[in-house]
Amino acid sequence: MRVAVAGATGNIGSLTAAVLRRQGHEVVGISRSLGVDLATGDGLDEALRGVEAVVDATNIAPADRDGSVERFARLTRTLLAAEERAGVRHHVLLSIVGIHRVEGNPHYAGKREQERLVENGPVPWTIVPATQFHDFAAMVAGWTERDGVADIAPLLVQPIAPADVAEILAEVAVGEPLGRHADIAGPRTQDLVDMARRTLHAQGRRVDLVPTWSGVFGTSMAGDVLLPGEDARIAPTTFEEWLAARTAP
């Protein structure tokens, strides 16, 4: 099966492309570095020729609410229009658990618009909402780290391994469109501050973490807001297993 992966050079996109290739599928990578620009559409029609399914694992740089909504909308409209022209039969969108319960996060506003366009678009679709990835905590700490100190929100999350996300996306892509897929999540809940502390320790780095509700992670994201629904699909890899594979000597 010929499958295109948008965001093919990113974290989840590259893993998903690798899974599909291992399974014997022909993978078309969509990213600017591969000569296909979703922002302009350059190279997109050629890339989608003969493609049956598209996995959209694209992401955008942090922006304000209007910027996030505009950028996600432009990329999604361009991709869906090209898919319709090419006769693509399945659009698979990677989304985020909890985005419909949080109003103040600009990135989540962009993802909601992306979902809306897919749901009302011309191509049969599956939306796969995932919880935060196992590397999310250290990434968040990196955004605010200054002189060995970083602010981080005490979010309650149920993180999932990026490799598990890729396996599920590949499985969904080669199947029939499902509409809204059940949430996907890892097997255990975690505190984001503790996750960051353990990840940084495993990397051999010392950073003083200051738990605080600030910036894009306000109290509207506290409690169970970011946790998966009761019918969630639980992936196998624990945070501890993922971390053990990355512990510095």
Protein backbone atom coordinates (compact mmCIF):
# COMPACT_ATOMS: atom_id res chain seq x y z
CA MET A 1 0.00 0.00 0.00
CA ARG A 2 1.25 3.49 -0.84
CA VAL A 3 1.01 5.73 2.25
CA ALA A 4 2.15 9.34 2.63
CA VAL A 5 3.35 10.70 5.97
CA ALA A 6 3.11 14.46 6.46
CA GLY A 7 5.74 15.60 8.91
CA ALA A 8 7.88 12.63 7.89
CA THR A 9 11.13 14.05 9.29
CA GLY A 10 9.64 14.87 12.71
CA ASN A 11 9.60 12.72 15.83
CA ILE A 12 6.33 10.81 15.29
CA GLY A 13 6.34 11.09 11.51
CA SER A 14 9.74 9.47 11.11
CA LEU A 15 8.82 6.64 13.48
CA THR A 16 5.52 6.06 11.67
CA ALA A 17 7.24 5.98 8.29
CA ALA A 18 9.72 3.43 9.62
CA VAL A 19 6.93 1.17 10.93
CA LEU A 20 5.10 1.29 7.61
CA ARG A 21 8.26 0.44 5.67
CA ARG A 22 9.00 -2.51 7.97
CA GLN A 23 5.52 -3.79 7.21
CA GLY A 24 6.23 -3.66 3.48
CA HIS A 25 4.31 -0.53 2.54
CA GLU A 26 5.58 2.11 0.16
CA VAL A 27 6.03 5.35 2.10
CA VAL A 28 6.06 8.85 0.64
CA GLY A 29 7.59 11.43 2.95
CA ILE A 30 6.04 14.89 3.01
CA SER A 31 8.16 17.65 4.49
CA ARG A 32 9.91 20.77 3.29
CA SER A 33 13.33 19.13 3.61
CA LEU A 34 12.12 16.36 1.26
CA GLY A 35 10.99 18.85 -1.36
CA VAL A 36 7.28 18.98 -0.49
CA ASP A 37 6.04 22.22 1.08
CA LEU A 38 2.65 22.07 2.79
CA ALA A 39 2.66 25.83 3.31
CA THR A 40 2.68 26.51 -0.44
CA GLY A 41 1.60 23.16 -1.86
CA ASP A 42 4.78 22.90 -3.92
CA GLY A 43 5.44 19.27 -4.84
CA LEU A 44 2.32 18.01 -3.08
CA ASP A 45 0.29 16.82 -6.08
CA GLU A 46 3.22 14.81 -7.38
CA ALA A 47 3.92 13.32 -3.94
CA LEU A 48 0.31 12.15 -3.52
CA ARG A 49 0.04 10.45 -6.89
CA GLY A 50 -1.17 6.88 -6.25
CA VAL A 51 -1.33 7.40 -2.47
CA GLU A 52 -4.21 5.62 -0.71
CA ALA A 53 -3.78 6.98 2.82
CA VAL A 54 -2.14 10.00 4.43
CA VAL A 55 -0.95 10.23 8.03
CA ASP A 56 -0.78 13.85 9.20
CA ALA A 57 1.79 14.09 12.00
CA THR A 58 2.77 17.69 11.29
CA ASN A 59 3.41 20.22 14.00
CA ILE A 60 4.02 23.96 14.06
CA ALA A 61 6.27 26.30 15.99
CA PRO A 62 4.74 27.95 19.08
CA ALA A 63 2.53 30.92 18.22
CA ASP A 64 -0.27 33.01 19.67
CA ARG A 65 -3.86 31.79 19.33
CA ASP A 66 -4.58 33.49 16.00
CA GLY A 67 -1.23 32.43 14.57
CA SER A 68 -1.68 28.83 15.65
CA VAL A 69 -5.19 28.58 14.22
CA GLU A 70 -4.18 30.24 10.94
CA ARG A 71 -1.11 28.05 10.42
CA PHE A 72 -2.82 24.74 11.22
CA ALA A 73 -5.79 25.72 9.04
CA ARG A 74 -3.62 26.67 6.06
CA LEU A 75 -1.58 23.47 6.18
CA THR A 76 -4.65 21.28 6.64
CA ARG A 77 -6.67 22.91 3.85
CA THR A 78 -3.75 22.59 1.45
CA LEU A 79 -3.24 18.93 2.31
CA LEU A 80 -6.92 17.96 2.14
CA ALA A 81 -7.43 19.71 -1.19
CA ALA A 82 -4.47 17.88 -2.70
CA GLU A 83 -5.72 14.58 -1.28
CA GLU A 84 -9.12 15.12 -2.89
CA ARG A 85 -7.47 15.78 -6.25
CA ALA A 86 -5.35 12.64 -5.89
CA GLY A 87 -8.25 10.39 -4.83
CA VAL A 88 -6.79 9.61 -1.40
CA ARG A 89 -9.26 7.42 0.50
CA HIS A 90 -8.14 7.87 4.11
CA HIS A 91 -6.79 10.87 6.05
CA VAL A 92 -5.37 10.02 9.49
CA LEU A 93 -4.80 12.95 11.85
CA LEU A 94 -2.73 12.71 15.02
CA SER A 95 -4.37 14.96 17.62
CA ILE A 96 -4.16 15.53 21.39
CA VAL A 97 -6.31 14.26 24.26
CA GLY A 98 -8.07 17.05 26.17
CA ILE A 99 -7.97 19.84 23.61
CA HIS A 100 -11.75 20.31 23.73
CA ARG A 101 -11.64 20.90 27.48
CA VAL A 102 -8.97 23.63 27.51
CA GLU A 103 -9.70 27.07 26.06
CA GLY A 104 -6.61 29.12 26.96
CA ASN A 105 -3.92 27.14 25.13
CA PRO A 106 -3.06 28.60 21.67
CA HIS A 107 -1.72 25.30 20.34
CA TYR A 108 -4.87 23.47 21.37
CA ALA A 109 -6.98 26.09 19.60
CA GLY A 110 -5.04 25.35 16.42
CA LYS A 111 -5.51 21.61 16.81
CA ARG A 112 -9.27 22.08 17.33
CA GLU A 113 -9.45 23.97 14.05
CA GLN A 114 -7.43 21.24 12.37
CA GLU A 115 -9.86 18.60 13.65
CA ARG A 116 -12.84 20.66 12.47
CA LEU A 117 -11.46 20.94 8.96
CA VAL A 118 -10.75 17.21 8.77
CA GLU A 119 -14.19 16.28 10.08
CA ASN A 120 -15.89 18.53 7.52
CA GLY A 121 -13.44 17.87 4.71
CA PRO A 122 -13.72 15.90 1.47
CA VAL A 123 -11.60 12.88 2.47
CA PRO A 124 -12.76 9.97 4.73
CA TRP A 125 -10.94 10.34 8.00
CA THR A 126 -9.75 9.01 11.32
CA ILE A 127 -8.67 11.31 14.16
CA VAL A 128 -6.36 9.69 16.73
CA PRO A 129 -6.12 11.71 19.99
CA ALA A 130 -2.95 10.89 21.95
CA THR A 131 -1.84 11.86 25.42
CA GLN A 132 1.49 13.63 25.93
CA PHE A 133 4.60 11.75 24.83
CA HIS A 134 7.19 10.41 27.24
CA ASP A 135 9.69 13.10 26.21
CA PHE A 136 7.18 15.92 26.83
CA ALA A 137 8.24 16.76 30.39
CA ALA A 138 11.88 17.42 29.57
CA MET A 139 10.85 19.41 26.50
CA VAL A 140 8.60 21.67 28.60
CA ALA A 141 11.38 22.21 31.15
CA GLY A 142 13.69 23.16 28.29
CA TRP A 143 11.32 25.92 27.19
CA THR A 144 11.77 27.85 30.45
CA GLU A 145 15.22 26.78 31.67
CA ARG A 146 17.47 29.70 32.57
CA ASP A 147 20.74 29.35 34.50
CA GLY A 148 19.87 25.86 35.70
CA VAL A 149 16.32 26.69 36.85
CA ALA A 150 13.10 25.84 35.01
CA ASP A 151 9.42 26.48 35.70
CA ILE A 152 7.11 23.55 35.00
CA ALA A 153 3.41 22.99 35.57
CA PRO A 154 2.38 20.12 37.89
CA LEU A 155 0.20 18.50 35.25
CA LEU A 156 -1.30 15.06 35.73
CA VAL A 157 -0.71 13.09 32.52
CA GLN A 158 -0.79 9.52 31.25
CA PRO A 159 2.12 9.64 28.80
CA ILE A 160 2.63 7.39 25.82
CA ALA A 161 5.83 6.24 24.12
CA PRO A 162 6.39 7.85 20.69
CA ALA A 163 7.14 4.41 19.23
CA ASP A 164 3.75 3.14 20.44
CA VAL A 165 2.02 6.12 18.82
CA ALA A 166 3.74 5.30 15.53
CA GLU A 167 2.63 1.67 15.68
CA ILE A 168 -0.99 2.70 16.20
CA LEU A 169 -0.92 5.34 13.45
CA ALA A 170 0.51 2.82 10.98
CA GLU A 171 -2.18 0.30 11.92
CA VAL A 172 -4.95 2.85 11.51
CA ALA A 173 -3.59 4.17 8.20
CA VAL A 174 -3.79 0.84 6.40
CA GLY A 175 -7.30 0.14 7.70
CA GLU A 176 -10.68 1.65 6.96
CA PRO A 177 -11.60 5.19 8.12
CA LEU A 178 -13.02 5.09 11.64
CA GLY A 179 -14.08 8.65 12.37
CA ARG A 180 -12.95 9.54 15.87
CA HIS A 181 -10.63 6.87 17.28
CA ALA A 182 -10.54 6.14 20.99
CA ASP A 183 -7.94 8.10 22.95
CA ILE A 184 -4.53 6.44 23.03
CA ALA A 185 -2.40 6.60 26.17
CA GLY A 186 0.35 4.91 28.12
CA PRO A 187 -0.35 2.51 30.96
CA ARG A 188 0.22 4.77 33.99
CA THR A 189 -0.52 8.29 35.18
CA GLN A 190 2.45 10.50 36.01
CA ASP A 191 3.18 13.92 37.49
CA LEU A 192 4.89 16.12 34.90
CA VAL A 193 7.32 17.62 37.41
CA ASP A 194 8.48 14.18 38.52
CA MET A 195 8.76 13.06 34.90
CA ALA A 196 10.98 16.04 34.11
CA ARG A 197 13.14 15.43 37.18
CA ARG A 198 13.70 11.77 36.30
CA THR A 199 14.34 12.47 32.62
CA LEU A 200 16.89 15.17 33.34
CA HIS A 201 18.60 12.92 35.88
CA ALA A 202 18.78 10.12 33.31
CA GLN A 203 20.39 12.58 30.89
CA GLY A 204 23.00 13.49 33.49
CA ARG A 205 21.68 17.05 33.78
CA ARG A 206 20.98 19.03 36.93
CA VAL A 207 18.12 21.51 36.69
CA ASP A 208 16.17 22.93 39.63
CA LEU A 209 12.48 22.56 38.80
CA VAL A 210 9.95 25.09 40.10
CA PRO A 211 6.35 23.80 39.98
CA THR A 212 4.08 26.63 38.90
CA TRP A 213 0.88 27.27 36.98
CA SER A 214 1.92 29.84 34.40
CA GLY A 215 2.09 30.53 30.69
CA VAL A 216 0.15 28.16 28.45
CA PHE A 217 -0.26 25.58 31.23
CA GLY A 218 -2.80 27.21 33.53
CA THR A 219 -5.05 25.71 36.18
CA SER A 220 -7.66 24.90 33.52
CA MET A 221 -5.39 21.95 32.69
CA ALA A 222 -5.24 20.67 36.29
CA GLY A 223 -6.77 17.45 37.58
CA ASP A 224 -7.92 14.85 35.05
CA VAL A 225 -8.33 17.23 32.09
CA LEU A 226 -5.44 15.72 30.11
CA LEU A 227 -6.17 12.10 31.03
CA PRO A 228 -7.67 9.69 28.48
CA GLY A 229 -11.29 8.63 28.37
CA GLU A 230 -12.56 5.40 29.90
CA ASP A 231 -12.59 3.64 26.52
CA ALA A 232 -8.96 4.56 25.78
CA ARG A 233 -6.60 2.22 24.00
CA ILE A 234 -3.67 1.63 26.37
CA ALA A 235 -0.26 1.21 24.77
CA PRO A 236 2.24 -1.14 26.45
CA THR A 237 5.40 0.90 27.07
CA THR A 238 5.70 2.49 30.51
CA PHE A 239 7.53 5.73 31.18
CA GLU A 240 10.05 3.78 33.27
CA GLU A 241 10.81 1.40 30.39
CA TRP A 242 11.20 4.29 27.96
CA LEU A 243 13.45 6.15 30.39
CA ALA A 244 15.65 3.13 31.13
CA ALA A 245 16.53 2.91 27.44
CA ARG A 246 17.77 6.51 27.52
CA THR A 247 19.67 6.62 30.80
CA ALA A 248 23.13 8.07 30.40
CA PRO A 249 26.02 5.80 31.48
